[in-house]
Structure formats: structure tokens, C-alpha cells
PDB file of N, CA and C in Angstrom:
ATOM      1  N   GLU A   1      67.041  39.728  23.411  1.00  0.00           N
ATOM      2  CA  GLU A   1      66.928  40.217  22.041  1.00  0.00           C
ATOM      3  C   GLU A   1      67.653  39.317  21.058  1.00  0.00           C
ATOM      4  N   LYS A   2      68.474  38.402  21.546  1.00  0.00           N
ATOM      5  CA  LYS A   2      69.221  37.521  20.658  1.00  0.00           C
ATOM      6  C   LYS A   2      68.443  36.272  20.261  1.00  0.00           C
ATOM      7  N   LEU A   3      67.454  35.903  21.039  1.00  0.00           N
ATOM      8  CA  LEU A   3      66.700  34.683  20.750  1.00  0.00           C
ATOM      9  C   LEU A   3      65.839  34.846  19.505  1.00  0.00           C
ATOM     10  N   ASP A   4      65.878  33.836  18.632  1.00  0.00           N
ATOM     11  CA  ASP A   4      65.048  33.873  17.429  1.00  0.00           C
ATOM     12  C   ASP A   4      63.564  33.934  17.780  1.00  0.00           C
ATOM     13  N   VAL A   5      63.179  33.213  18.820  1.00  0.00           N
ATOM     14  CA  VAL A   5      61.772  33.197  19.205  1.00  0.00           C
ATOM     15  C   VAL A   5      61.329  34.580  19.692  1.00  0.00           C
ATOM     16  N   TYR A   6      62.219  35.292  20.333  1.00  0.00           N
ATOM     17  CA  TYR A   6      61.897  36.650  20.770  1.00  0.00           C
ATOM     18  C   TYR A   6      61.718  37.557  19.548  1.00  0.00           C
ATOM     19  N   LYS A   7      62.631  37.450  18.597  1.00  0.00           N
ATOM     20  CA  LYS A   7      62.534  38.250  17.379  1.00  0.00           C
ATOM     21  C   LYS A   7      61.237  37.942  16.629  1.00  0.00           C
ATOM     22  N   ALA A   8      60.884  36.665  16.568  1.00  0.00           N
ATOM     23  CA  ALA A   8      59.648  36.266  15.901  1.00  0.00           C
ATOM     24  C   ALA A   8      58.430  36.826  16.631  1.00  0.00           C
ATOM     25  N   SER A   9      58.500  36.876  17.953  1.00  0.00           N
ATOM     26  CA  SER A   9      57.365  37.400  18.716  1.00  0.00           C
ATOM     27  C   SER A   9      57.173  38.895  18.479  1.00  0.00           C
ATOM     28  N   ILE A  10      58.246  39.605  18.275  1.00  0.00           N
ATOM     29  CA  ILE A  10      58.157  41.032  17.963  1.00  0.00           C
ATOM     30  C   ILE A  10      57.540  41.221  16.582  1.00  0.00           C
ATOM     31  N   LYS A  11      57.923  40.385  15.620  1.00  0.00           N
ATOM     32  CA  LYS A  11      57.318  40.457  14.283  1.00  0.00           C
ATOM     33  C   LYS A  11      55.826  40.132  14.360  1.00  0.00           C
ATOM     34  N   PHE A  12      55.495  39.115  15.177  1.00  0.00           N
ATOM     35  CA  PHE A  12      54.091  38.752  15.333  1.00  0.00           C
ATOM     36  C   PHE A  12      53.303  39.908  15.939  1.00  0.00           C
ATOM     37  N   LEU A  13      53.875  40.594  16.884  1.00  0.00           N
ATOM     38  CA  LEU A  13      53.208  41.736  17.503  1.00  0.00           C
ATOM     39  C   LEU A  13      52.851  42.773  16.443  1.00  0.00           C
ATOM     40  N   SER A  14      53.766  43.031  15.533  1.00  0.00           N
ATOM     41  CA  SER A  14      53.507  43.968  14.445  1.00  0.00           C
ATOM     42  C   SER A  14      52.393  43.450  13.530  1.00  0.00           C
ATOM     43  N   LEU A  15      52.427  42.172  13.207  1.00  0.00           N
ATOM     44  CA  LEU A  15      51.387  41.576  12.368  1.00  0.00           C
ATOM     45  C   LEU A  15      50.021  41.635  13.050  1.00  0.00           C
ATOM     46  N   SER A  16      50.011  41.398  14.338  1.00  0.00           N
ATOM     47  CA  SER A  16      48.734  41.403  15.056  1.00  0.00           C
ATOM     48  C   SER A  16      48.124  42.803  15.062  1.00  0.00           C
ATOM     49  N   ARG A  17      48.960  43.814  15.136  1.00  0.00           N
ATOM     50  CA  ARG A  17      48.441  45.188  15.095  1.00  0.00           C
ATOM     51  C   ARG A  17      47.772  45.479  13.760  1.00  0.00           C
ATOM     52  N   ARG A  18      48.353  44.940  12.683  1.00  0.00           N
ATOM     53  CA  ARG A  18      47.730  45.119  11.369  1.00  0.00           C
ATOM     54  C   ARG A  18      46.443  44.310  11.265  1.00  0.00           C
ATOM     55  N   ALA A  19      46.445  43.116  11.828  1.00  0.00           N
ATOM     56  CA  ALA A  19      45.254  42.257  11.780  1.00  0.00           C
ATOM     57  C   ALA A  19      44.100  42.871  12.561  1.00  0.00           C
ATOM     58  N   ILE A  20      44.422  43.542  13.644  1.00  0.00           N
ATOM     59  CA  ILE A  20      43.391  44.164  14.478  1.00  0.00           C
ATOM     60  C   ILE A  20      42.558  45.147  13.664  1.00  0.00           C
ATOM     61  N   LYS A  21      43.191  45.838  12.741  1.00  0.00           N
ATOM     62  CA  LYS A  21      42.482  46.813  11.913  1.00  0.00           C
ATOM     63  C   LYS A  21      41.443  46.159  11.003  1.00  0.00           C
ATOM     64  N   LYS A  22      41.585  44.848  10.779  1.00  0.00           N
ATOM     65  CA  LYS A  22      40.674  44.134   9.882  1.00  0.00           C
ATOM     66  C   LYS A  22      39.548  43.423  10.624  1.00  0.00           C
ATOM     67  N   ILE A  23      39.588  43.442  11.935  1.00  0.00           N
ATOM     68  CA  ILE A  23      38.533  42.788  12.712  1.00  0.00           C
ATOM     69  C   ILE A  23      37.277  43.646  12.630  1.00  0.00           C
ATOM     70  N   PRO A  24      36.156  43.024  12.301  1.00  0.00           N
ATOM     71  CA  PRO A  24      34.912  43.790  12.148  1.00  0.00           C
ATOM     72  C   PRO A  24      34.535  44.559  13.417  1.00  0.00           C
ATOM     73  N   LYS A  25      33.912  45.703  13.208  1.00  0.00           N
ATOM     74  CA  LYS A  25      33.436  46.508  14.342  1.00  0.00           C
ATOM     75  C   LYS A  25      32.459  45.673  15.160  1.00  0.00           C
ATOM     76  N   GLY A  26      32.354  45.996  16.427  1.00  0.00           N
ATOM     77  CA  GLY A  26      31.486  45.242  17.311  1.00  0.00           C
ATOM     78  C   GLY A  26      32.210  44.111  18.020  1.00  0.00           C
ATOM     79  N   ASN A  27      33.522  44.035  17.836  1.00  0.00           N
ATOM     80  CA  ASN A  27      34.329  42.988  18.458  1.00  0.00           C
ATOM     81  C   ASN A  27      35.417  43.588  19.342  1.00  0.00           C
ATOM     82  N   ALA A  28      35.065  44.630  20.072  1.00  0.00           N
ATOM     83  CA  ALA A  28      36.058  45.318  20.902  1.00  0.00           C
ATOM     84  C   ALA A  28      36.691  44.381  21.921  1.00  0.00           C
ATOM     85  N   ASP A  29      35.919  43.441  22.433  1.00  0.00           N
ATOM     86  CA  ASP A  29      36.466  42.505  23.411  1.00  0.00           C
ATOM     87  C   ASP A  29      37.542  41.615  22.790  1.00  0.00           C
ATOM     88  N   ILE A  30      37.328  41.197  21.548  1.00  0.00           N
ATOM     89  CA  ILE A  30      38.311  40.375  20.846  1.00  0.00           C
ATOM     90  C   ILE A  30      39.562  41.198  20.544  1.00  0.00           C
ATOM     91  N   VAL A  31      39.358  42.420  20.100  1.00  0.00           N
ATOM     92  CA  VAL A  31      40.479  43.314  19.805  1.00  0.00           C
ATOM     93  C   VAL A  31      41.325  43.524  21.062  1.00  0.00           C
ATOM     94  N   ASP A  32      40.665  43.806  22.164  1.00  0.00           N
ATOM     95  CA  ASP A  32      41.384  44.023  23.418  1.00  0.00           C
ATOM     96  C   ASP A  32      42.174  42.780  23.829  1.00  0.00           C
ATOM     97  N   GLN A  33      41.556  41.630  23.716  1.00  0.00           N
ATOM     98  CA  GLN A  33      42.232  40.395  24.105  1.00  0.00           C
ATOM     99  C   GLN A  33      43.423  40.107  23.198  1.00  0.00           C
ATOM    100  N   LEU A  34      43.270  40.328  21.895  1.00  0.00           N
ATOM    101  CA  LEU A  34      44.376  40.111  20.963  1.00  0.00           C
ATOM    102  C   LEU A  34      45.529  41.067  21.249  1.00  0.00           C
ATOM    103  N   LYS A  35      45.201  42.307  21.561  1.00  0.00           N
ATOM    104  CA  LYS A  35      46.254  43.268  21.913  1.00  0.00           C
ATOM    105  C   LYS A  35      47.031  42.788  23.131  1.00  0.00           C
ATOM    106  N   ARG A  36      46.303  42.377  24.162  1.00  0.00           N
ATOM    107  CA  ARG A  36      46.965  41.970  25.405  1.00  0.00           C
ATOM    108  C   ARG A  36      47.751  40.671  25.226  1.00  0.00           C
ATOM    109  N   ALA A  37      47.162  39.704  24.543  1.00  0.00           N
ATOM    110  CA  ALA A  37      47.834  38.413  24.379  1.00  0.00           C
ATOM    111  C   ALA A  37      49.075  38.538  23.492  1.00  0.00           C
ATOM    112  N   SER A  38      48.982  39.312  22.413  1.00  0.00           N
ATOM    113  CA  SER A  38      50.141  39.451  21.517  1.00  0.00           C
ATOM    114  C   SER A  38      51.270  40.231  22.184  1.00  0.00           C
ATOM    115  N   ARG A  39      50.922  41.186  23.033  1.00  0.00           N
ATOM    116  CA  ARG A  39      51.955  41.921  23.777  1.00  0.00           C
ATOM    117  C   ARG A  39      52.626  41.040  24.816  1.00  0.00           C
ATOM    118  N   SER A  40      51.861  40.136  25.386  1.00  0.00           N
ATOM    119  CA  SER A  40      52.414  39.325  26.475  1.00  0.00           C
ATOM    120  C   SER A  40      53.472  38.336  25.992  1.00  0.00           C
ATOM    121  N   ILE A  41      53.425  37.930  24.728  1.00  0.00           N
ATOM    122  CA  ILE A  41      54.373  36.922  24.241  1.00  0.00           C
ATOM    123  C   ILE A  41      55.821  37.398  24.388  1.00  0.00           C
ATOM    124  N   PRO A  42      56.229  38.519  23.772  1.00  0.00           N
ATOM    125  CA  PRO A  42      57.626  38.934  23.941  1.00  0.00           C
ATOM    126  C   PRO A  42      57.959  39.313  25.385  1.00  0.00           C
ATOM    127  N   LEU A  43      56.974  39.843  26.103  1.00  0.00           N
ATOM    128  CA  LEU A  43      57.235  40.211  27.500  1.00  0.00           C
ATOM    129  C   LEU A  43      57.525  38.976  28.355  1.00  0.00           C
ATOM    130  N   LEU A  44      56.767  37.917  28.152  1.00  0.00           N
ATOM    131  CA  LEU A  44      56.994  36.689  28.916  1.00  0.00           C
ATOM    132  C   LEU A  44      58.325  36.035  28.537  1.00  0.00           C
ATOM    133  N   ILE A  45      58.654  36.063  27.251  1.00  0.00           N
ATOM    134  CA  ILE A  45      59.943  35.509  26.825  1.00  0.00           C
ATOM    135  C   ILE A  45      61.085  36.278  27.476  1.00  0.00           C
ATOM    136  N   ALA A  46      61.005  37.596  27.428  1.00  0.00           N
ATOM    137  CA  ALA A  46      62.051  38.419  28.028  1.00  0.00           C
ATOM    138  C   ALA A  46      62.159  38.173  29.530  1.00  0.00           C
ATOM    139  N   GLU A  47      61.020  38.075  30.189  1.00  0.00           N
ATOM    140  CA  GLU A  47      61.045  37.838  31.628  1.00  0.00           C
ATOM    141  C   GLU A  47      61.605  36.452  31.937  1.00  0.00           C
ATOM    142  N   GLY A  48      61.247  35.474  31.127  1.00  0.00           N
ATOM    143  CA  GLY A  48      61.754  34.118  31.338  1.00  0.00           C
ATOM    144  C   GLY A  48      63.261  34.031  31.202  1.00  0.00           C
ATOM    145  N   VAL A  49      63.806  34.732  30.227  1.00  0.00           N
ATOM    146  CA  VAL A  49      65.265  34.726  30.033  1.00  0.00           C
ATOM    147  C   VAL A  49      65.980  35.239  31.279  1.00  0.00           C
ATOM    148  N   GLY A  50      65.343  36.148  31.977  1.00  0.00           N
ATOM    149  CA  GLY A  50      65.966  36.739  33.158  1.00  0.00           C
ATOM    150  C   GLY A  50      65.870  35.887  34.420  1.00  0.00           C
ATOM    151  N   LYS A  51      65.156  34.784  34.355  1.00  0.00           N
ATOM    152  CA  LYS A  51      65.007  33.937  35.549  1.00  0.00           C
ATOM    153  C   LYS A  51      66.241  33.078  35.756  1.00  0.00           C
ATOM    154  N   ALA A  52      66.505  32.760  37.007  1.00  0.00           N
ATOM    155  CA  ALA A  52      67.754  32.101  37.386  1.00  0.00           C
ATOM    156  C   ALA A  52      67.780  30.603  37.104  1.00  0.00           C
ATOM    157  N   THR A  53      66.645  29.950  37.171  1.00  0.00           N
ATOM    158  CA  THR A  53      66.656  28.486  37.023  1.00  0.00           C
ATOM    159  C   THR A  53      65.887  28.066  35.779  1.00  0.00           C
ATOM    160  N   PRO A  54      66.259  26.939  35.199  1.00  0.00           N
ATOM    161  CA  PRO A  54      65.524  26.437  34.038  1.00  0.00           C
ATOM    162  C   PRO A  54      64.039  26.210  34.324  1.00  0.00           C
ATOM    163  N   ALA A  55      63.706  25.793  35.524  1.00  0.00           N
ATOM    164  CA  ALA A  55      62.304  25.570  35.873  1.00  0.00           C
ATOM    165  C   ALA A  55      61.508  26.877  35.829  1.00  0.00           C
ATOM    166  N   HIS A  56      62.093  27.946  36.361  1.00  0.00           N
ATOM    167  CA  HIS A  56      61.417  29.248  36.315  1.00  0.00           C
ATOM    168  C   HIS A  56      61.311  29.749  34.880  1.00  0.00           C
ATOM    169  N   GLN A  57      62.380  29.569  34.114  1.00  0.00           N
ATOM    170  CA  GLN A  57      62.348  29.978  32.714  1.00  0.00           C
ATOM    171  C   GLN A  57      61.246  29.233  31.966  1.00  0.00           C
ATOM    172  N   ALA A  58      61.165  27.933  32.190  1.00  0.00           N
ATOM    173  CA  ALA A  58      60.182  27.106  31.486  1.00  0.00           C
ATOM    174  C   ALA A  58      58.763  27.586  31.760  1.00  0.00           C
ATOM    175  N   ARG A  59      58.501  28.011  32.970  1.00  0.00           N
ATOM    176  CA  ARG A  59      57.162  28.500  33.307  1.00  0.00           C
ATOM    177  C   ARG A  59      56.784  29.704  32.456  1.00  0.00           C
ATOM    178  N   TYR A  60      57.690  30.643  32.296  1.00  0.00           N
ATOM    179  CA  TYR A  60      57.417  31.838  31.503  1.00  0.00           C
ATOM    180  C   TYR A  60      57.316  31.508  30.014  1.00  0.00           C
ATOM    181  N   PHE A  61      58.174  30.604  29.547  1.00  0.00           N
ATOM    182  CA  PHE A  61      58.117  30.218  28.145  1.00  0.00           C
ATOM    183  C   PHE A  61      56.815  29.472  27.840  1.00  0.00           C
ATOM    184  N   THR A  62      56.360  28.677  28.794  1.00  0.00           N
ATOM    185  CA  THR A  62      55.088  27.970  28.637  1.00  0.00           C
ATOM    186  C   THR A  62      53.926  28.967  28.585  1.00  0.00           C
ATOM    187  N   ASP A  63      53.975  29.970  29.431  1.00  0.00           N
ATOM    188  CA  ASP A  63      52.938  31.002  29.417  1.00  0.00           C
ATOM    189  C   ASP A  63      52.959  31.785  28.098  1.00  0.00           C
ATOM    190  N   ALA A  64      54.149  32.039  27.559  1.00  0.00           N
ATOM    191  CA  ALA A  64      54.261  32.739  26.276  1.00  0.00           C
ATOM    192  C   ALA A  64      53.640  31.889  25.167  1.00  0.00           C
ATOM    193  N   ARG A  65      53.893  30.600  25.218  1.00  0.00           N
ATOM    194  CA  ARG A  65      53.286  29.693  24.239  1.00  0.00           C
ATOM    195  C   ARG A  65      51.762  29.721  24.363  1.00  0.00           C
ATOM    196  N   GLY A  66      51.275  29.741  25.579  1.00  0.00           N
ATOM    197  CA  GLY A  66      49.837  29.820  25.799  1.00  0.00           C
ATOM    198  C   GLY A  66      49.236  31.081  25.208  1.00  0.00           C
ATOM    199  N   SER A  67      49.932  32.191  25.363  1.00  0.00           N
ATOM    200  CA  SER A  67      49.445  33.449  24.782  1.00  0.00           C
ATOM    201  C   SER A  67      49.436  33.376  23.259  1.00  0.00           C
ATOM    202  N   ALA A  68      50.441  32.725  22.688  1.00  0.00           N
ATOM    203  CA  ALA A  68      50.483  32.571  21.236  1.00  0.00           C
ATOM    204  C   ALA A  68      49.314  31.722  20.745  1.00  0.00           C
ATOM    205  N   LEU A  69      49.025  30.653  21.453  1.00  0.00           N
ATOM    206  CA  LEU A  69      47.890  29.805  21.081  1.00  0.00           C
ATOM    207  C   LEU A  69      46.566  30.554  21.234  1.00  0.00           C
ATOM    208  N   GLU A  70      46.487  31.391  22.245  1.00  0.00           N
ATOM    209  CA  GLU A  70      45.296  32.222  22.438  1.00  0.00           C
ATOM    210  C   GLU A  70      45.119  33.160  21.249  1.00  0.00           C
ATOM    211  N   CYS A  71      46.197  33.761  20.797  1.00  0.00           N
ATOM    212  CA  CYS A  71      46.131  34.655  19.640  1.00  0.00           C
ATOM    213  C   CYS A  71      45.645  33.905  18.400  1.00  0.00           C
ATOM    214  N   ALA A  72      46.074  32.675  18.261  1.00  0.00           N
ATOM    215  CA  ALA A  72      45.660  31.882  17.095  1.00  0.00           C
ATOM    216  C   ALA A  72      44.164  31.612  17.112  1.00  0.00           C
ATOM    217  N   ALA A  73      43.590  31.472  18.297  1.00  0.00           N
ATOM    218  CA  ALA A  73      42.167  31.161  18.406  1.00  0.00           C
ATOM    219  C   ALA A  73      41.270  32.385  18.286  1.00  0.00           C
ATOM    220  N   LEU A  74      41.762  33.539  18.611  1.00  0.00           N
ATOM    221  CA  LEU A  74      40.917  34.731  18.667  1.00  0.00           C
ATOM    222  C   LEU A  74      40.224  35.111  17.360  1.00  0.00           C
ATOM    223  N   PRO A  75      40.886  35.050  16.204  1.00  0.00           N
ATOM    224  CA  PRO A  75      40.164  35.421  14.975  1.00  0.00           C
ATOM    225  C   PRO A  75      38.934  34.559  14.723  1.00  0.00           C
ATOM    226  N   ARG A  76      38.963  33.325  15.154  1.00  0.00           N
ATOM    227  CA  ARG A  76      37.812  32.438  14.972  1.00  0.00           C
ATOM    228  C   ARG A  76      36.630  32.875  15.831  1.00  0.00           C
ATOM    229  N   CYS A  77      36.922  33.656  16.843  1.00  0.00           N
ATOM    230  CA  CYS A  77      35.862  34.130  17.744  1.00  0.00           C
ATOM    231  C   CYS A  77      35.028  35.243  17.123  1.00  0.00           C
ATOM    232  N   THR A  78      35.458  35.778  15.997  1.00  0.00           N
ATOM    233  CA  THR A  78      34.711  36.857  15.340  1.00  0.00           C
ATOM    234  C   THR A  78      33.771  36.318  14.271  1.00  0.00           C
ATOM    235  N   GLU A  79      33.843  35.024  14.008  1.00  0.00           N
ATOM    236  CA  GLU A  79      33.014  34.426  12.941  1.00  0.00           C
ATOM    237  C   GLU A  79      31.607  34.202  13.409  1.00  0.00           C
TER     238      GLU A  79
END
């Protein structure tokens, strides 16, 4: 909870929930994916912090970054 990136991921989660309401109907698959990907970011960061070695931590942080990039691409999928 002390990491700035973790705090930012929680704020992003809140923003994504608001953005979901603006996604046009008929895009349930995109909505579902955005929900899952945005939730995974803080969860992966938290899990990574708990790992014993820097290599294990890096794997989780890399996965969190991947989820963030996925979230960035999803709105374009509704166009």
C-alpha cells in the first residue's frame, strides 16, 4: 500500500469502472476484459511485493505492466 505505483493502480481501477459505463452496449466481451485486466494490476503488484526474490517480483510487476497495456488497448477495440 506504500508504493506509488500501487496507489496509482487503485486510482486507475476506479477510473476504469467509470469508463466501463461509457462503453457502448454490445461490447460485453470488452467490458469483461477491462474489468479483469484493471483488477489484475493492483493484485499483481501486491503479489509481487510479497515475493522473496527480485526475479520473482519482476515477473509479477511485468505481468502488471502487461495488464495495464491491455487496458490501454481495449477502448480501441470498441471502434
